[in-house]
Amino acid sequence: MFKIYEVNEKTSQAGNDYWQVKFESKEGVKVCDNFMFHGKAASKTLALLTGLGLADGEEFPTDELSTDDILGKFVYIDTIKDKDSEFLKCPWSSSGYEKYEGKTKAKPKKEEVEEELPF
């Protein structure tokens, strides 16, 4: 499970706005990922928002979101090593982010495991 500890609003070289989101686990493992709001890359953003409980998996929320809406929230992330960074990254798929619901994982693979809040 990861906590979002930093969110930066940025603009790509093509002029598209995106969020750079940094996550950290209880063990200090860090993940950094970029989330675009337009084009093909928007599907990854929708997956994150769905994992955070802010979207339904089909459409973006009708209310405008700010970085404050996700800062401090928890999410499960499937991670892979990013060879060019100190950070891990999430694979490019909607299954990479899963909702955190209290002390149990939303979609356990075998048995639900109770966890203490890490932060």
C-alpha atoms as a PDB file:
ATOM      1  CA  MET A   1       0.000   0.000   0.000  1.00  0.00           C
ATOM      2  CA  PHE A   2       1.258   3.462  -0.880  1.00  0.00           C
ATOM      3  CA  LYS A   3       0.432   6.957   0.337  1.00  0.00           C
ATOM      4  CA  ILE A   4       0.486   9.911  -2.051  1.00  0.00           C
ATOM      5  CA  TYR A   5       2.936  12.323  -0.458  1.00  0.00           C
ATOM      6  CA  GLU A   6       3.522  14.814  -3.275  1.00  0.00           C
ATOM      7  CA  VAL A   7       1.607  15.985  -6.349  1.00  0.00           C
ATOM      8  CA  ASN A   8       3.036  18.501  -8.822  1.00  0.00           C
ATOM      9  CA  GLU A   9       1.122  20.152 -11.642  1.00  0.00           C
ATOM     10  CA  LYS A  10       3.270  20.234 -14.770  1.00  0.00           C
ATOM     11  CA  THR A  11       3.060  20.932 -18.492  1.00  0.00           C
ATOM     12  CA  SER A  12       4.591  18.625 -21.106  1.00  0.00           C
ATOM     13  CA  GLN A  13       6.761  19.870 -23.975  1.00  0.00           C
ATOM     14  CA  ALA A  14       3.675  19.487 -26.183  1.00  0.00           C
ATOM     15  CA  GLY A  15       1.759  21.862 -23.899  1.00  0.00           C
ATOM     16  CA  ASN A  16      -0.427  19.249 -22.179  1.00  0.00           C
ATOM     17  CA  ASP A  17      -1.115  19.562 -18.462  1.00  0.00           C
ATOM     18  CA  TYR A  18      -0.395  16.572 -16.226  1.00  0.00           C
ATOM     19  CA  TRP A  19       0.193  15.620 -12.613  1.00  0.00           C
ATOM     20  CA  GLN A  20       3.456  14.144 -11.394  1.00  0.00           C
ATOM     21  CA  VAL A  21       2.455  11.980  -8.425  1.00  0.00           C
ATOM     22  CA  LYS A  22       4.863  10.572  -5.856  1.00  0.00           C
ATOM     23  CA  PHE A  23       3.871   7.626  -3.660  1.00  0.00           C
ATOM     24  CA  GLU A  24       5.639   6.064  -0.674  1.00  0.00           C
ATOM     25  CA  SER A  25       5.078   2.820   1.202  1.00  0.00           C
ATOM     26  CA  LYS A  26       5.474   2.241   4.933  1.00  0.00           C
ATOM     27  CA  GLU A  27       8.817   0.601   4.163  1.00  0.00           C
ATOM     28  CA  GLY A  28      10.055   3.717   2.331  1.00  0.00           C
ATOM     29  CA  VAL A  29       9.636   2.320  -1.196  1.00  0.00           C
ATOM     30  CA  LYS A  30       8.908   5.182  -3.599  1.00  0.00           C
ATOM     31  CA  VAL A  31       6.937   5.267  -6.836  1.00  0.00           C
ATOM     32  CA  CYS A  32       6.729   8.262  -9.157  1.00  0.00           C
ATOM     33  CA  ASP A  33       4.289   8.370 -12.071  1.00  0.00           C
ATOM     34  CA  ASN A  34       2.853  10.970 -14.444  1.00  0.00           C
ATOM     35  CA  PHE A  35      -0.881  11.274 -15.109  1.00  0.00           C
ATOM     36  CA  MET A  36      -2.190  12.983 -18.244  1.00  0.00           C
ATOM     37  CA  PHE A  37      -5.790  14.091 -18.686  1.00  0.00           C
ATOM     38  CA  HIS A  38      -6.043  13.817 -22.492  1.00  0.00           C
ATOM     39  CA  GLY A  39      -5.226  11.283 -25.185  1.00  0.00           C
ATOM     40  CA  LYS A  40      -4.265   7.636 -24.725  1.00  0.00           C
ATOM     41  CA  ALA A  41      -2.443   8.332 -21.459  1.00  0.00           C
ATOM     42  CA  ALA A  42      -5.681   9.485 -19.808  1.00  0.00           C
ATOM     43  CA  SER A  43      -6.675   5.829 -19.278  1.00  0.00           C
ATOM     44  CA  LYS A  44      -3.895   5.478 -16.689  1.00  0.00           C
ATOM     45  CA  THR A  45      -5.147   8.609 -14.915  1.00  0.00           C
ATOM     46  CA  LEU A  46      -8.664   7.188 -14.881  1.00  0.00           C
ATOM     47  CA  ALA A  47      -7.258   3.956 -13.366  1.00  0.00           C
ATOM     48  CA  LEU A  48      -5.594   5.923 -10.562  1.00  0.00           C
ATOM     49  CA  LEU A  49      -8.716   7.988  -9.846  1.00  0.00           C
ATOM     50  CA  THR A  50     -10.790   4.805  -9.807  1.00  0.00           C
ATOM     51  CA  GLY A  51      -8.309   3.192  -7.437  1.00  0.00           C
ATOM     52  CA  LEU A  52      -8.640   6.219  -5.172  1.00  0.00           C
ATOM     53  CA  GLY A  53     -12.437   5.995  -5.283  1.00  0.00           C
ATOM     54  CA  LEU A  54     -12.787   9.286  -7.185  1.00  0.00           C
ATOM     55  CA  ALA A  55     -14.006   7.794 -10.481  1.00  0.00           C
ATOM     56  CA  ASP A  56     -16.180   4.867 -11.553  1.00  0.00           C
ATOM     57  CA  GLY A  57     -13.703   3.272 -13.961  1.00  0.00           C
ATOM     58  CA  GLU A  58     -15.633   4.403 -17.014  1.00  0.00           C
ATOM     59  CA  GLU A  59     -15.563   8.216 -16.931  1.00  0.00           C
ATOM     60  CA  PHE A  60     -13.690  11.033 -15.264  1.00  0.00           C
ATOM     61  CA  PRO A  61     -15.550  12.769 -12.422  1.00  0.00           C
ATOM     62  CA  THR A  62     -17.766  15.628 -13.535  1.00  0.00           C
ATOM     63  CA  ASP A  63     -16.406  17.852 -10.757  1.00  0.00           C
ATOM     64  CA  GLU A  64     -13.021  19.412 -11.409  1.00  0.00           C
ATOM     65  CA  LEU A  65     -10.306  17.782  -9.340  1.00  0.00           C
ATOM     66  CA  SER A  66      -7.330  19.469  -7.743  1.00  0.00           C
ATOM     67  CA  THR A  67      -4.088  17.987  -6.480  1.00  0.00           C
ATOM     68  CA  ASP A  68      -5.455  18.381  -2.927  1.00  0.00           C
ATOM     69  CA  ASP A  69      -8.142  15.788  -3.762  1.00  0.00           C
ATOM     70  CA  ILE A  70      -5.538  13.031  -3.997  1.00  0.00           C
ATOM     71  CA  LEU A  71      -2.767  14.222  -1.671  1.00  0.00           C
ATOM     72  CA  GLY A  72      -2.518  11.977   1.397  1.00  0.00           C
ATOM     73  CA  LYS A  73      -4.739   9.221  -0.036  1.00  0.00           C
ATOM     74  CA  PHE A  74      -3.802   5.541  -0.052  1.00  0.00           C
ATOM     75  CA  VAL A  75      -3.756   3.134  -2.985  1.00  0.00           C
ATOM     76  CA  TYR A  76      -2.329  -0.293  -3.781  1.00  0.00           C
ATOM     77  CA  ILE A  77       0.129  -0.277  -6.674  1.00  0.00           C
ATOM     78  CA  ASP A  78       1.607  -3.129  -8.690  1.00  0.00           C
ATOM     79  CA  THR A  79       5.182  -1.969  -9.223  1.00  0.00           C
ATOM     80  CA  ILE A  80       8.136  -2.695 -11.487  1.00  0.00           C
ATOM     81  CA  LYS A  81      11.707  -1.399 -11.283  1.00  0.00           C
ATOM     82  CA  ASP A  82      12.423   1.756 -13.274  1.00  0.00           C
ATOM     83  CA  LYS A  83      16.015   1.241 -14.437  1.00  0.00           C
ATOM     84  CA  ASP A  84      16.744   4.960 -14.826  1.00  0.00           C
ATOM     85  CA  SER A  85      15.467   6.166 -11.452  1.00  0.00           C
ATOM     86  CA  GLU A  86      15.491   5.633  -7.712  1.00  0.00           C
ATOM     87  CA  PHE A  87      11.716   5.212  -8.013  1.00  0.00           C
ATOM     88  CA  LEU A  88       9.653   2.176  -8.947  1.00  0.00           C
ATOM     89  CA  LYS A  89       6.871   2.602 -11.501  1.00  0.00           C
ATOM     90  CA  CYS A  90       3.445   1.160 -12.126  1.00  0.00           C
ATOM     91  CA  PRO A  91       2.901  -0.952 -15.256  1.00  0.00           C
ATOM     92  CA  TRP A  92       0.841   0.673 -18.005  1.00  0.00           C
ATOM     93  CA  SER A  93      -2.541  -0.851 -17.246  1.00  0.00           C
ATOM     94  CA  SER A  94      -5.706  -0.211 -15.301  1.00  0.00           C
ATOM     95  CA  SER A  95      -4.892  -3.148 -13.025  1.00  0.00           C
ATOM     96  CA  GLY A  96      -1.852  -1.320 -11.695  1.00  0.00           C
ATOM     97  CA  TYR A  97      -3.825   0.713  -9.136  1.00  0.00           C
ATOM     98  CA  GLU A  98      -6.307  -0.767  -6.659  1.00  0.00           C
ATOM     99  CA  LYS A  99      -8.506   0.946  -4.125  1.00  0.00           C
ATOM    100  CA  TYR A 100      -7.524   0.941  -0.461  1.00  0.00           C
ATOM    101  CA  GLU A 101     -10.554   0.384   1.774  1.00  0.00           C
ATOM    102  CA  GLY A 102      -9.568   0.677   5.413  1.00  0.00           C
ATOM    103  CA  LYS A 103      -7.609  -2.264   6.740  1.00  0.00           C
ATOM    104  CA  THR A 104      -8.228  -4.755   3.929  1.00  0.00           C
ATOM    105  CA  LYS A 105      -7.247  -4.867   0.301  1.00  0.00           C
ATOM    106  CA  ALA A 106     -10.177  -4.270  -2.067  1.00  0.00           C
ATOM    107  CA  LYS A 107      -9.519  -7.297  -4.297  1.00  0.00           C
ATOM    108  CA  PRO A 108      -7.527  -9.900  -2.377  1.00  0.00           C
ATOM    109  CA  LYS A 109      -5.890 -12.617  -4.444  1.00  0.00           C
ATOM    110  CA  LYS A 110      -6.354 -15.397  -1.867  1.00  0.00           C
ATOM    111  CA  GLU A 111      -7.423 -14.259   1.593  1.00  0.00           C
ATOM    112  CA  GLU A 112      -8.157 -10.811   2.925  1.00  0.00           C
ATOM    113  CA  VAL A 113      -5.238  -9.660   5.024  1.00  0.00           C
ATOM    114  CA  GLU A 114      -5.720  -7.133   7.792  1.00  0.00           C
ATOM    115  CA  GLU A 115      -3.139  -4.394   7.872  1.00  0.00           C
ATOM    116  CA  GLU A 116      -2.362  -1.573  10.241  1.00  0.00           C
ATOM    117  CA  LEU A 117      -2.413   1.907   8.791  1.00  0.00           C
ATOM    118  CA  PRO A 118       1.212   2.639   7.919  1.00  0.00           C
ATOM    119  CA  PHE A 119       1.183   6.390   8.467  1.00  0.00           C
END
